[in-house]
């Protein structure tokens, strides 16, 4: 089974959702609106989790082991 590189998936979600949301005539009644909004929310959640993980790693390096 091939391992998935999640970083590229997150980068793709960030790039695609921003490109689609940046157009004129943002239409909520279009059939792809739900999918596009889901990509936006997933990319925001992935970014938030990546930031929290980076902060956790940085803090854990400074704390002594076992605390």
Protein backbone atom coordinates (compact mmCIF):
# COMPACT_ATOMS: atom_id res chain seq x y z
CA UNK A 1 0.00 0.00 0.00
CA UNK A 2 1.39 3.37 -1.03
CA UNK A 3 1.81 6.06 1.61
CA UNK A 4 -0.03 9.33 1.00
CA UNK A 5 1.97 12.55 1.25
CA UNK A 6 -0.57 14.74 3.05
CA UNK A 7 1.47 17.91 2.52
CA UNK A 8 0.73 17.91 -1.22
CA UNK A 9 -2.95 17.28 -0.60
CA UNK A 10 -3.10 20.23 1.80
CA UNK A 11 -1.21 22.48 -0.63
CA UNK A 12 -3.57 21.45 -3.43
CA UNK A 13 -6.66 22.15 -1.30
CA UNK A 14 -5.34 25.58 -0.33
CA UNK A 15 -4.50 26.48 -3.92
CA UNK A 16 -7.72 25.24 -5.50
CA UNK A 17 -10.18 26.66 -2.99
CA UNK A 18 -8.54 30.10 -3.10
CA UNK A 19 -8.56 30.16 -6.91
CA UNK A 20 -12.22 29.25 -7.13
CA UNK A 21 -13.34 31.67 -4.43
CA UNK A 22 -11.45 34.59 -5.99
CA UNK A 23 -13.68 34.89 -9.07
CA UNK A 24 -16.44 37.44 -9.76
CA UNK A 25 -20.01 36.26 -9.46
CA UNK A 26 -19.50 33.84 -6.59
CA UNK A 27 -22.66 31.74 -7.00
CA UNK A 28 -24.02 29.70 -4.08
CA UNK A 29 -26.68 28.06 -6.22
CA UNK A 30 -24.18 26.39 -8.58
CA UNK A 31 -23.92 22.60 -8.32
CA UNK A 32 -20.23 22.77 -7.33
CA UNK A 33 -20.76 25.28 -4.53
CA UNK A 34 -21.01 22.66 -1.77
CA UNK A 35 -17.82 20.90 -2.94
CA UNK A 36 -15.91 24.19 -3.25
CA UNK A 37 -16.99 25.33 0.21
CA UNK A 38 -16.03 21.94 1.64
CA UNK A 39 -12.56 22.35 0.13
CA UNK A 40 -12.27 25.79 1.68
CA UNK A 41 -13.27 24.54 5.12
CA UNK A 42 -10.99 21.49 4.86
CA UNK A 43 -8.06 23.68 3.86
CA UNK A 44 -8.70 26.04 6.77
CA UNK A 45 -8.94 23.12 9.18
CA UNK A 46 -5.77 21.54 7.78
CA UNK A 47 -3.92 24.83 8.08
CA UNK A 48 -5.09 25.26 11.67
CA UNK A 49 -4.03 21.74 12.58
CA UNK A 50 -0.64 22.22 10.93
CA UNK A 51 -0.09 25.43 12.89
CA UNK A 52 -1.14 23.82 16.18
CA UNK A 53 1.15 20.84 15.51
CA UNK A 54 4.08 23.14 14.72
CA UNK A 55 3.49 25.08 17.94
CA UNK A 56 3.22 21.83 19.92
CA UNK A 57 6.50 20.57 18.46
CA UNK A 58 8.25 23.86 19.20
CA UNK A 59 7.01 23.91 22.80
CA UNK A 60 7.83 20.25 23.39
CA UNK A 61 11.45 20.87 22.36
CA UNK A 62 11.80 23.48 25.10
CA UNK A 63 10.14 21.52 27.89
CA UNK A 64 12.15 18.92 29.81
CA UNK A 65 11.22 15.30 29.14
CA UNK A 66 8.61 13.84 31.50
CA UNK A 67 6.78 17.10 32.30
